[in-house]
Amino acid sequence: MTTPSVPGMPEAERCLVMGVVNVTPDSFSDGGQWFDPDVAIRHGLDLVAEGADIVDVGGESTRPGAARVSLEEELRRVEPVIRALTQEGVTVSVDTMRAEVAEAAVAAGARLVNDVSGGLADPAMPRVVAATGVPYVVMHWRGHSRDMDNRAVYGDVVTEVAEELRKRVDSVLAEGVREEQIVLDPGLGFSKNAEHNWAVLAGLAELNRLGHPLLVGASRKRFLGRLLAGPDGEPRPFGGSDDATVAVTALAAQAGAWCVRVHRVRPNADAVRVAAVWRAAGVRHAAGARDAVAAGHAAARHADESR
């Protein structure tokens, strides 16, 4: 299996690591920690030092039930952070559902637009992305945070997510986005319960068949905290699921994910390197087995011809 690549993004013979910088007071696991621009900039640089290939800067929480912020407030939060990080040579993505924020972020130096709505929240987004030419993460999304949990109804979640993503790809292509710009994200935790999330992770091979690189964002999601609940049934705190996130990272990378989006970078950067060696060893083993079978067949034919 070859490692997918995305134009304008770092290239490596492994899954990439995207570190999260939430410039928000209310994100689900680290709201307020990086709200001050100077603190957010330092955190972004720290993530790069720990092994992040991309730093994802967002100014609006998408946790379940979150209220939207104004356009002006979102711009105020993200622009100075993106500008400062790009001036330091960091590859920055902007996490936004607004076309105007995406356009301003790219002008400030962002090199990827990460849209959790896949262009559904702002119909102008695909046209803006097409004009900028930067890569575009199209995530599976069924509605805003205030009611997304009510939309978590599926017959076959993997098949339906794949089909809905395929339709979004067709839609953004029709707006001028190029095939090579598109990255897909199955949207773990967005209009999905724990059972749905696990099924989607187990079905990454099917989603890979859509033909676009995959971004996987499992870090600190509620389904991990619930899996690790204590004897009293109380879910682990968000930060308490970091080790489980590393396990999902390794499995997603092994399954062929292009990039993982995480809060703690260093252990996940280690995990993708382990997965890369594992995948490479598997490819070599399979090739060796095929060569051995071919050699055996050739020897048998030679023996038959010599009789």
C-alpha atoms as a PDB file:
ATOM      1  CA  MET A   1       0.000   0.000   0.000  1.00  0.00           C
ATOM      2  CA  THR A   2       1.334   3.433  -0.912  1.00  0.00           C
ATOM      3  CA  THR A   3       1.128   6.445   1.370  1.00  0.00           C
ATOM      4  CA  PRO A   4      -1.350   8.982  -0.036  1.00  0.00           C
ATOM      5  CA  SER A   5      -0.131  12.517  -0.672  1.00  0.00           C
ATOM      6  CA  VAL A   6      -1.905  15.861  -0.860  1.00  0.00           C
ATOM      7  CA  PRO A   7      -0.507  18.732  -2.968  1.00  0.00           C
ATOM      8  CA  GLY A   8       0.950  21.496  -0.827  1.00  0.00           C
ATOM      9  CA  MET A   9       1.072  19.363   2.307  1.00  0.00           C
ATOM     10  CA  PRO A  10       4.134  17.734   3.911  1.00  0.00           C
ATOM     11  CA  GLU A  11       5.073  14.391   2.408  1.00  0.00           C
ATOM     12  CA  ALA A  12       6.239  11.400   4.415  1.00  0.00           C
ATOM     13  CA  GLU A  13       6.198   7.628   4.061  1.00  0.00           C
ATOM     14  CA  ARG A  14       3.753   7.449   6.953  1.00  0.00           C
ATOM     15  CA  CYS A  15       0.480   8.874   8.187  1.00  0.00           C
ATOM     16  CA  LEU A  16       0.779  12.598   8.985  1.00  0.00           C
ATOM     17  CA  VAL A  17      -0.031  14.132  12.371  1.00  0.00           C
ATOM     18  CA  MET A  18      -2.197  17.247  12.695  1.00  0.00           C
ATOM     19  CA  GLY A  19      -1.965  18.997  16.054  1.00  0.00           C
ATOM     20  CA  VAL A  20      -4.987  20.899  17.383  1.00  0.00           C
ATOM     21  CA  VAL A  21      -4.927  24.540  18.501  1.00  0.00           C
ATOM     22  CA  ASN A  22      -8.392  25.565  19.666  1.00  0.00           C
ATOM     23  CA  VAL A  23      -8.484  29.342  20.069  1.00  0.00           C
ATOM     24  CA  THR A  24     -11.791  29.071  21.899  1.00  0.00           C
ATOM     25  CA  PRO A  25     -13.128  29.364  25.440  1.00  0.00           C
ATOM     26  CA  ASP A  26     -15.480  26.387  25.084  1.00  0.00           C
ATOM     27  CA  SER A  27     -13.973  23.517  23.071  1.00  0.00           C
ATOM     28  CA  PHE A  28     -14.884  20.154  24.529  1.00  0.00           C
ATOM     29  CA  SER A  29     -11.523  19.085  26.000  1.00  0.00           C
ATOM     30  CA  ASP A  30      -9.281  22.151  26.165  1.00  0.00           C
ATOM     31  CA  GLY A  31     -11.589  25.157  25.973  1.00  0.00           C
ATOM     32  CA  GLY A  32      -9.856  28.278  27.250  1.00  0.00           C
ATOM     33  CA  GLN A  33      -6.351  26.800  27.476  1.00  0.00           C
ATOM     34  CA  TRP A  34      -5.161  28.424  24.259  1.00  0.00           C
ATOM     35  CA  PHE A  35      -7.667  31.282  23.994  1.00  0.00           C
ATOM     36  CA  ASP A  36      -5.018  33.986  24.373  1.00  0.00           C
ATOM     37  CA  PRO A  37      -3.345  34.476  20.941  1.00  0.00           C
ATOM     38  CA  ASP A  38       0.198  34.503  22.331  1.00  0.00           C
ATOM     39  CA  VAL A  39      -0.453  31.304  24.277  1.00  0.00           C
ATOM     40  CA  ALA A  40      -2.018  29.713  21.190  1.00  0.00           C
ATOM     41  CA  ILE A  41       1.008  30.617  19.065  1.00  0.00           C
ATOM     42  CA  ARG A  42       3.407  29.132  21.610  1.00  0.00           C
ATOM     43  CA  HIS A  43       1.279  25.997  21.801  1.00  0.00           C
ATOM     44  CA  GLY A  44       1.334  25.625  18.024  1.00  0.00           C
ATOM     45  CA  LEU A  45       5.112  25.885  17.969  1.00  0.00           C
ATOM     46  CA  ASP A  46       5.324  23.355  20.806  1.00  0.00           C
ATOM     47  CA  LEU A  47       3.191  20.920  18.800  1.00  0.00           C
ATOM     48  CA  VAL A  48       5.571  21.221  15.846  1.00  0.00           C
ATOM     49  CA  ALA A  49       8.528  20.578  18.150  1.00  0.00           C
ATOM     50  CA  GLU A  50       6.746  17.421  19.334  1.00  0.00           C
ATOM     51  CA  GLY A  51       6.298  16.144  15.779  1.00  0.00           C
ATOM     52  CA  ALA A  52       3.183  17.759  14.297  1.00  0.00           C
ATOM     53  CA  ASP A  53       3.297  17.973  10.513  1.00  0.00           C
ATOM     54  CA  ILE A  54       0.303  20.333  10.370  1.00  0.00           C
ATOM     55  CA  VAL A  55      -1.200  22.651  13.003  1.00  0.00           C
ATOM     56  CA  ASP A  56      -4.988  23.029  12.813  1.00  0.00           C
ATOM     57  CA  VAL A  57      -6.197  26.402  14.123  1.00  0.00           C
ATOM     58  CA  GLY A  58      -9.882  26.805  14.936  1.00  0.00           C
ATOM     59  CA  GLY A  59     -11.876  29.645  16.447  1.00  0.00           C
ATOM     60  CA  GLU A  60     -15.298  28.045  16.860  1.00  0.00           C
ATOM     61  CA  SER A  61     -16.178  25.070  19.035  1.00  0.00           C
ATOM     62  CA  THR A  62     -18.083  22.240  17.356  1.00  0.00           C
ATOM     63  CA  ARG A  63     -18.720  20.251  20.539  1.00  0.00           C
ATOM     64  CA  PRO A  64     -22.265  18.913  20.913  1.00  0.00           C
ATOM     65  CA  GLY A  65     -24.613  21.717  21.872  1.00  0.00           C
ATOM     66  CA  ALA A  66     -22.150  24.530  21.153  1.00  0.00           C
ATOM     67  CA  ALA A  67     -23.544  27.884  20.039  1.00  0.00           C
ATOM     68  CA  ARG A  68     -22.055  29.563  16.982  1.00  0.00           C
ATOM     69  CA  VAL A  69     -19.813  32.616  17.297  1.00  0.00           C
ATOM     70  CA  SER A  70     -19.997  35.643  15.031  1.00  0.00           C
ATOM     71  CA  LEU A  71     -17.903  35.922  11.895  1.00  0.00           C
ATOM     72  CA  GLU A  72     -16.022  38.874  13.369  1.00  0.00           C
ATOM     73  CA  GLU A  73     -15.191  37.005  16.571  1.00  0.00           C
ATOM     74  CA  GLU A  74     -13.994  33.922  14.717  1.00  0.00           C
ATOM     75  CA  LEU A  75     -11.716  36.049  12.525  1.00  0.00           C
ATOM     76  CA  ARG A  76     -10.397  37.915  15.563  1.00  0.00           C
ATOM     77  CA  ARG A  77      -9.454  34.641  17.195  1.00  0.00           C
ATOM     78  CA  VAL A  78      -7.720  32.859  14.339  1.00  0.00           C
ATOM     79  CA  GLU A  79      -6.082  35.421  12.047  1.00  0.00           C
ATOM     80  CA  PRO A  80      -3.204  36.534  14.296  1.00  0.00           C
ATOM     81  CA  VAL A  81      -2.430  32.957  15.320  1.00  0.00           C
ATOM     82  CA  ILE A  82      -2.350  31.697  11.727  1.00  0.00           C
ATOM     83  CA  ARG A  83      -0.240  34.635  10.560  1.00  0.00           C
ATOM     84  CA  ALA A  84       2.323  34.206  13.347  1.00  0.00           C
ATOM     85  CA  LEU A  85       2.626  30.427  12.921  1.00  0.00           C
ATOM     86  CA  THR A  86       3.041  30.602   9.149  1.00  0.00           C
ATOM     87  CA  GLN A  87       5.721  33.251   9.562  1.00  0.00           C
ATOM     88  CA  GLU A  88       7.577  30.650  11.643  1.00  0.00           C
ATOM     89  CA  GLY A  89       7.355  28.176   8.763  1.00  0.00           C
ATOM     90  CA  VAL A  90       4.547  26.069  10.229  1.00  0.00           C
ATOM     91  CA  THR A  91       2.138  24.307   7.871  1.00  0.00           C
ATOM     92  CA  VAL A  92      -1.207  25.597   9.128  1.00  0.00           C
ATOM     93  CA  SER A  93      -4.753  24.475   8.413  1.00  0.00           C
ATOM     94  CA  VAL A  94      -7.817  26.467   9.401  1.00  0.00           C
ATOM     95  CA  ASP A  95     -10.735  24.688  11.037  1.00  0.00           C
ATOM     96  CA  THR A  96     -13.795  26.653   9.921  1.00  0.00           C
ATOM     97  CA  MET A  97     -17.235  26.314   8.358  1.00  0.00           C
ATOM     98  CA  ARG A  98     -17.255  29.884   7.017  1.00  0.00           C
ATOM     99  CA  ALA A  99     -16.053  30.816   3.547  1.00  0.00           C
ATOM    100  CA  GLU A 100     -15.012  34.313   4.642  1.00  0.00           C
ATOM    101  CA  VAL A 101     -12.881  32.903   7.450  1.00  0.00           C
ATOM    102  CA  ALA A 102     -11.324  30.363   5.085  1.00  0.00           C
ATOM    103  CA  GLU A 103     -10.480  33.080   2.568  1.00  0.00           C
ATOM    104  CA  ALA A 104      -8.936  35.333   5.227  1.00  0.00           C
ATOM    105  CA  ALA A 105      -7.023  32.414   6.750  1.00  0.00           C
ATOM    106  CA  VAL A 106      -5.491  31.428   3.412  1.00  0.00           C
ATOM    107  CA  ALA A 107      -4.531  35.069   2.852  1.00  0.00           C
ATOM    108  CA  ALA A 108      -2.838  34.951   6.275  1.00  0.00           C
ATOM    109  CA  GLY A 109      -0.880  31.846   5.253  1.00  0.00           C
ATOM    110  CA  ALA A 110      -3.067  28.805   5.942  1.00  0.00           C
ATOM    111  CA  ARG A 111      -2.436  26.007   3.453  1.00  0.00           C
ATOM    112  CA  LEU A 112      -5.477  23.789   4.053  1.00  0.00           C
ATOM    113  CA  VAL A 113      -9.157  24.391   4.828  1.00  0.00           C
ATOM    114  CA  ASN A 114     -10.655  21.908   7.284  1.00  0.00           C
ATOM    115  CA  ASP A 115     -14.442  22.258   7.024  1.00  0.00           C
ATOM    116  CA  VAL A 116     -16.365  20.015   9.411  1.00  0.00           C
ATOM    117  CA  SER A 117     -19.555  20.709   7.462  1.00  0.00           C
ATOM    118  CA  GLY A 118     -18.126  19.614   4.109  1.00  0.00           C
ATOM    119  CA  GLY A 119     -19.477  22.786   2.501  1.00  0.00           C
ATOM    120  CA  LEU A 120     -23.023  22.387   3.816  1.00  0.00           C
ATOM    121  CA  ALA A 121     -22.884  25.154   6.455  1.00  0.00           C
ATOM    122  CA  ASP A 122     -21.787  27.813   3.969  1.00  0.00           C
ATOM    123  CA  PRO A 123     -22.644  27.214   0.296  1.00  0.00           C
ATOM    124  CA  ALA A 124     -19.897  29.689  -0.733  1.00  0.00           C
ATOM    125  CA  MET A 125     -17.147  27.563   0.800  1.00  0.00           C
ATOM    126  CA  PRO A 126     -16.426  25.238  -2.175  1.00  0.00           C
ATOM    127  CA  ARG A 127     -16.110  28.186  -4.562  1.00  0.00           C
ATOM    128  CA  VAL A 128     -13.716  29.971  -2.213  1.00  0.00           C
ATOM    129  CA  VAL A 129     -11.617  26.834  -1.785  1.00  0.00           C
ATOM    130  CA  ALA A 130     -11.593  26.289  -5.548  1.00  0.00           C
ATOM    131  CA  ALA A 131     -10.310  29.846  -6.033  1.00  0.00           C
ATOM    132  CA  THR A 132      -7.538  29.470  -3.444  1.00  0.00           C
ATOM    133  CA  GLY A 133      -6.420  26.085  -4.756  1.00  0.00           C
ATOM    134  CA  VAL A 134      -5.528  24.793  -1.276  1.00  0.00           C
ATOM    135  CA  PRO A 135      -6.469  21.282  -0.084  1.00  0.00           C
ATOM    136  CA  TYR A 136      -9.969  20.951   1.323  1.00  0.00           C
ATOM    137  CA  VAL A 137     -11.095  18.567   4.060  1.00  0.00           C
ATOM    138  CA  VAL A 138     -14.695  17.529   3.366  1.00  0.00           C
ATOM    139  CA  MET A 139     -16.111  15.990   6.523  1.00  0.00           C
ATOM    140  CA  HIS A 140     -19.243  13.871   6.884  1.00  0.00           C
ATOM    141  CA  TRP A 141     -21.794  16.165   8.557  1.00  0.00           C
ATOM    142  CA  ARG A 142     -25.526  16.135   9.052  1.00  0.00           C
ATOM    143  CA  GLY A 143     -26.131  19.327  11.022  1.00  0.00           C
ATOM    144  CA  HIS A 144     -24.883  21.883  13.513  1.00  0.00           C
ATOM    145  CA  SER A 145     -23.760  21.002  17.034  1.00  0.00           C
ATOM    146  CA  ARG A 146     -27.047  22.037  18.621  1.00  0.00           C
ATOM    147  CA  ASP A 147     -28.931  19.105  17.120  1.00  0.00           C
ATOM    148  CA  MET A 148     -26.403  16.756  15.546  1.00  0.00           C
ATOM    149  CA  ASP A 149     -26.971  13.992  18.095  1.00  0.00           C
ATOM    150  CA  ASN A 150     -30.611  13.758  16.968  1.00  0.00           C
ATOM    151  CA  ARG A 151     -29.403  12.942  13.459  1.00  0.00           C
ATOM    152  CA  ALA A 152     -27.392   9.881  14.504  1.00  0.00           C
ATOM    153  CA  VAL A 153     -29.749   7.400  12.803  1.00  0.00           C
ATOM    154  CA  TYR A 154     -28.353   4.843  10.349  1.00  0.00           C
ATOM    155  CA  GLY A 155     -29.171   1.484   8.870  1.00  0.00           C
ATOM    156  CA  ASP A 156     -25.605   0.708   7.775  1.00  0.00           C
ATOM    157  CA  VAL A 157     -23.419   3.553   9.011  1.00  0.00           C
ATOM    158  CA  VAL A 158     -20.334   2.802   6.903  1.00  0.00           C
ATOM    159  CA  THR A 159     -22.313   2.472   3.677  1.00  0.00           C
ATOM    160  CA  GLU A 160     -24.336   5.603   4.406  1.00  0.00           C
ATOM    161  CA  VAL A 161     -21.326   7.698   5.415  1.00  0.00           C
ATOM    162  CA  ALA A 162     -19.524   6.593   2.251  1.00  0.00           C
ATOM    163  CA  GLU A 163     -22.510   7.462   0.073  1.00  0.00           C
ATOM    164  CA  GLU A 164     -23.053  10.848   1.712  1.00  0.00           C
ATOM    165  CA  LEU A 165     -19.364  11.687   1.338  1.00  0.00           C
ATOM    166  CA  ARG A 166     -19.496  10.627  -2.309  1.00  0.00           C
ATOM    167  CA  LYS A 167     -22.374  13.062  -2.865  1.00  0.00           C
ATOM    168  CA  ARG A 168     -20.464  15.859  -1.144  1.00  0.00           C
ATOM    169  CA  VAL A 169     -17.449  15.174  -3.362  1.00  0.00           C
ATOM    170  CA  ASP A 170     -19.646  15.404  -6.461  1.00  0.00           C
ATOM    171  CA  SER A 171     -21.102  18.654  -5.173  1.00  0.00           C
ATOM    172  CA  VAL A 172     -17.794  20.397  -4.435  1.00  0.00           C
ATOM    173  CA  LEU A 173     -16.348  19.200  -7.738  1.00  0.00           C
ATOM    174  CA  ALA A 174     -19.290  20.830  -9.492  1.00  0.00           C
ATOM    175  CA  GLU A 175     -18.331  24.099  -7.751  1.00  0.00           C
ATOM    176  CA  GLY A 176     -14.803  23.974  -9.190  1.00  0.00           C
ATOM    177  CA  VAL A 177     -12.809  22.170  -6.491  1.00  0.00           C
ATOM    178  CA  ARG A 178     -10.294  19.825  -8.118  1.00  0.00           C
ATOM    179  CA  GLU A 179     -10.061  16.116  -7.341  1.00  0.00           C
ATOM    180  CA  GLU A 180      -6.525  16.435  -5.981  1.00  0.00           C
ATOM    181  CA  GLN A 181      -7.624  19.108  -3.480  1.00  0.00           C
ATOM    182  CA  ILE A 182     -10.075  16.841  -1.682  1.00  0.00           C
ATOM    183  CA  VAL A 183      -9.414  15.083   1.621  1.00  0.00           C
ATOM    184  CA  LEU A 184     -12.256  13.187   3.303  1.00  0.00           C
ATOM    185  CA  ASP A 185     -13.049  12.925   7.007  1.00  0.00           C
ATOM    186  CA  PRO A 186     -15.673  10.407   8.224  1.00  0.00           C
ATOM    187  CA  GLY A 187     -16.668  12.772  11.039  1.00  0.00           C
ATOM    188  CA  LEU A 188     -16.270  10.670  14.159  1.00  0.00           C
ATOM    189  CA  GLY A 189     -18.619  11.957  16.859  1.00  0.00           C
ATOM    190  CA  PHE A 190     -20.591  14.151  14.472  1.00  0.00           C
ATOM    191  CA  SER A 191     -24.129  12.775  14.243  1.00  0.00           C
ATOM    192  CA  LYS A 192     -22.749   9.412  15.361  1.00  0.00           C
ATOM    193  CA  ASN A 193     -22.983   7.506  18.621  1.00  0.00           C
ATOM    194  CA  ALA A 194     -20.257   5.263  20.022  1.00  0.00           C
ATOM    195  CA  GLU A 195     -21.374   2.196  18.077  1.00  0.00           C
ATOM    196  CA  HIS A 196     -21.377   4.212  14.854  1.00  0.00           C
ATOM    197  CA  ASN A 197     -17.885   5.553  15.536  1.00  0.00           C
ATOM    198  CA  TRP A 198     -16.416   2.097  16.072  1.00  0.00           C
ATOM    199  CA  ALA A 199     -18.089   0.797  12.933  1.00  0.00           C
ATOM    200  CA  VAL A 200     -16.692   3.702  10.890  1.00  0.00           C
ATOM    201  CA  LEU A 201     -13.183   3.078  12.221  1.00  0.00           C
ATOM    202  CA  ALA A 202     -13.475  -0.614  11.390  1.00  0.00           C
ATOM    203  CA  GLY A 203     -14.692   0.388   7.909  1.00  0.00           C
ATOM    204  CA  LEU A 204     -11.838   2.731   6.973  1.00  0.00           C
ATOM    205  CA  ALA A 205     -10.788   0.366   4.186  1.00  0.00           C
ATOM    206  CA  GLU A 206     -14.192   0.843   2.552  1.00  0.00           C
ATOM    207  CA  LEU A 207     -13.938   4.632   2.919  1.00  0.00           C
ATOM    208  CA  ASN A 208     -10.455   4.511   1.395  1.00  0.00           C
ATOM    209  CA  ARG A 209     -12.070   3.105  -1.727  1.00  0.00           C
ATOM    210  CA  LEU A 210     -13.689   6.500  -2.300  1.00  0.00           C
ATOM    211  CA  GLY A 211     -10.322   7.433  -3.760  1.00  0.00           C
ATOM    212  CA  HIS A 212      -9.363  10.412  -1.603  1.00  0.00           C
ATOM    213  CA  PRO A 213      -6.937  10.689   1.332  1.00  0.00           C
ATOM    214  CA  LEU A 214      -8.580  10.254   4.738  1.00  0.00           C
ATOM    215  CA  LEU A 215      -8.243  12.466   7.806  1.00  0.00           C
ATOM    216  CA  VAL A 216      -9.262  10.725  11.049  1.00  0.00           C
ATOM    217  CA  GLY A 217     -10.098  12.727  14.166  1.00  0.00           C
ATOM    218  CA  ALA A 218     -10.729  10.452  17.145  1.00  0.00           C
ATOM    219  CA  SER A 219      -8.735  12.390  19.722  1.00  0.00           C
ATOM    220  CA  ARG A 220     -10.441  12.663  23.113  1.00  0.00           C
ATOM    221  CA  LYS A 221     -13.865  12.012  21.619  1.00  0.00           C
ATOM    222  CA  ARG A 222     -16.692  10.988  23.957  1.00  0.00           C
ATOM    223  CA  PHE A 223     -16.843   7.410  22.678  1.00  0.00           C
ATOM    224  CA  LEU A 224     -13.317   6.795  23.987  1.00  0.00           C
ATOM    225  CA  GLY A 225     -14.104   8.205  27.419  1.00  0.00           C
ATOM    226  CA  ARG A 226     -17.197   6.015  27.606  1.00  0.00           C
ATOM    227  CA  LEU A 227     -15.262   2.922  26.589  1.00  0.00           C
ATOM    228  CA  LEU A 228     -12.863   3.583  29.469  1.00  0.00           C
ATOM    229  CA  ALA A 229     -15.559   4.337  32.048  1.00  0.00           C
ATOM    230  CA  GLY A 230     -14.853   3.310  35.608  1.00  0.00           C
ATOM    231  CA  PRO A 231     -16.796   0.732  37.640  1.00  0.00           C
ATOM    232  CA  ASP A 232     -19.336   3.429  38.506  1.00  0.00           C
ATOM    233  CA  GLY A 233     -20.015   4.026  34.825  1.00  0.00           C
ATOM    234  CA  GLU A 234     -18.520   7.513  34.894  1.00  0.00           C
ATOM    235  CA  PRO A 235     -16.702   8.220  31.596  1.00  0.00           C
ATOM    236  CA  ARG A 236     -13.032   9.064  31.704  1.00  0.00           C
ATOM    237  CA  PRO A 237     -12.242  12.782  31.596  1.00  0.00           C
ATOM    238  CA  PHE A 238     -11.310  13.922  28.101  1.00  0.00           C
ATOM    239  CA  GLY A 239      -7.584  14.014  28.827  1.00  0.00           C
ATOM    240  CA  GLY A 240      -7.826  10.525  30.313  1.00  0.00           C
ATOM    241  CA  SER A 241      -8.470   9.026  26.875  1.00  0.00           C
ATOM    242  CA  ASP A 242      -5.166  10.166  25.358  1.00  0.00           C
ATOM    243  CA  ASP A 243      -3.679   6.660  25.516  1.00  0.00           C
ATOM    244  CA  ALA A 244      -6.743   5.230  23.791  1.00  0.00           C
ATOM    245  CA  THR A 245      -6.349   7.939  21.144  1.00  0.00           C
ATOM    246  CA  VAL A 246      -2.823   6.681  20.478  1.00  0.00           C
ATOM    247  CA  ALA A 247      -4.181   3.160  19.958  1.00  0.00           C
ATOM    248  CA  VAL A 248      -6.773   4.438  17.459  1.00  0.00           C
ATOM    249  CA  THR A 249      -4.058   6.456  15.709  1.00  0.00           C
ATOM    250  CA  ALA A 250      -1.914   3.360  15.206  1.00  0.00           C
ATOM    251  CA  LEU A 251      -4.860   1.374  13.867  1.00  0.00           C
ATOM    252  CA  ALA A 252      -6.030   4.191  11.584  1.00  0.00           C
ATOM    253  CA  ALA A 253      -2.530   4.658  10.216  1.00  0.00           C
ATOM    254  CA  GLN A 254      -2.246   0.917   9.636  1.00  0.00           C
ATOM    255  CA  ALA A 255      -5.577   1.068   7.778  1.00  0.00           C
ATOM    256  CA  GLY A 256      -4.169   3.700   5.413  1.00  0.00           C
ATOM    257  CA  ALA A 257      -5.265   7.047   6.870  1.00  0.00           C
ATOM    258  CA  TRP A 258      -3.467  10.025   5.358  1.00  0.00           C
ATOM    259  CA  CYS A 259      -3.495  12.050   8.592  1.00  0.00           C
ATOM    260  CA  VAL A 260      -4.733  11.935  12.176  1.00  0.00           C
ATOM    261  CA  ARG A 261      -5.926  15.002  14.076  1.00  0.00           C
ATOM    262  CA  VAL A 262      -4.852  14.899  17.732  1.00  0.00           C
ATOM    263  CA  HIS A 263      -4.481  17.010  20.859  1.00  0.00           C
ATOM    264  CA  ARG A 264      -1.320  15.361  22.232  1.00  0.00           C
ATOM    265  CA  VAL A 265       1.211  15.099  19.442  1.00  0.00           C
ATOM    266  CA  ARG A 266       4.314  13.282  20.674  1.00  0.00           C
ATOM    267  CA  PRO A 267       2.816   9.837  21.468  1.00  0.00           C
ATOM    268  CA  ASN A 268       0.707   9.929  18.310  1.00  0.00           C
ATOM    269  CA  ALA A 269       3.758  10.870  16.239  1.00  0.00           C
ATOM    270  CA  ASP A 270       5.414   7.756  17.684  1.00  0.00           C
ATOM    271  CA  ALA A 271       2.351   5.658  16.845  1.00  0.00           C
ATOM    272  CA  VAL A 272       2.264   6.612  13.150  1.00  0.00           C
ATOM    273  CA  ARG A 273       5.936   5.696  12.819  1.00  0.00           C
ATOM    274  CA  VAL A 274       5.291   2.286  14.345  1.00  0.00           C
ATOM    275  CA  ALA A 275       2.361   1.783  11.980  1.00  0.00           C
ATOM    276  CA  ALA A 276       4.487   2.789   8.974  1.00  0.00           C
ATOM    277  CA  VAL A 277       7.119   0.149   9.773  1.00  0.00           C
ATOM    278  CA  TRP A 278       4.372  -2.431  10.377  1.00  0.00           C
ATOM    279  CA  ARG A 279       2.765  -1.656   7.008  1.00  0.00           C
ATOM    280  CA  ALA A 280       6.091  -1.744   5.182  1.00  0.00           C
ATOM    281  CA  ALA A 281       6.997  -5.085   6.752  1.00  0.00           C
ATOM    282  CA  GLY A 282       3.621  -6.478   5.716  1.00  0.00           C
ATOM    283  CA  VAL A 283       4.148  -5.339   2.126  1.00  0.00           C
ATOM    284  CA  ARG A 284       7.605  -6.926   2.027  1.00  0.00           C
ATOM    285  CA  HIS A 285       6.280 -10.164   3.502  1.00  0.00           C
ATOM    286  CA  ALA A 286       3.433 -10.314   0.985  1.00  0.00           C
ATOM    287  CA  ALA A 287       5.824  -9.613  -1.891  1.00  0.00           C
ATOM    288  CA  GLY A 288       8.187 -12.315  -0.661  1.00  0.00           C
ATOM    289  CA  ALA A 289       5.349 -14.813  -0.397  1.00  0.00           C
ATOM    290  CA  ARG A 290       4.215 -14.004  -3.931  1.00  0.00           C
ATOM    291  CA  ASP A 291       7.789 -14.413  -5.223  1.00  0.00           C
ATOM    292  CA  ALA A 292       8.109 -17.761  -3.456  1.00  0.00           C
ATOM    293  CA  VAL A 293       4.838 -19.017  -4.968  1.00  0.00           C
ATOM    294  CA  ALA A 294       5.897 -17.817  -8.430  1.00  0.00           C
ATOM    295  CA  ALA A 295       9.276 -19.531  -8.060  1.00  0.00           C
ATOM    296  CA  GLY A 296       7.546 -22.740  -7.009  1.00  0.00           C
ATOM    297  CA  HIS A 297       5.281 -22.652 -10.046  1.00  0.00           C
ATOM    298  CA  ALA A 298       8.250 -21.980 -12.337  1.00  0.00           C
ATOM    299  CA  ALA A 299      10.172 -24.885 -10.847  1.00  0.00           C
ATOM    300  CA  ALA A 300       7.175 -27.191 -11.302  1.00  0.00           C
ATOM    301  CA  ARG A 301       6.815 -26.175 -14.956  1.00  0.00           C
ATOM    302  CA  HIS A 302      10.525 -26.750 -15.527  1.00  0.00           C
ATOM    303  CA  ALA A 303      10.281 -30.206 -13.973  1.00  0.00           C
ATOM    304  CA  ASP A 304       7.304 -31.085 -16.173  1.00  0.00           C
ATOM    305  CA  GLU A 305       9.141 -29.910 -19.284  1.00  0.00           C
ATOM    306  CA  SER A 306      12.204 -31.979 -18.386  1.00  0.00           C
ATOM    307  CA  ARG A 307      10.317 -35.258 -18.201  1.00  0.00           C
END
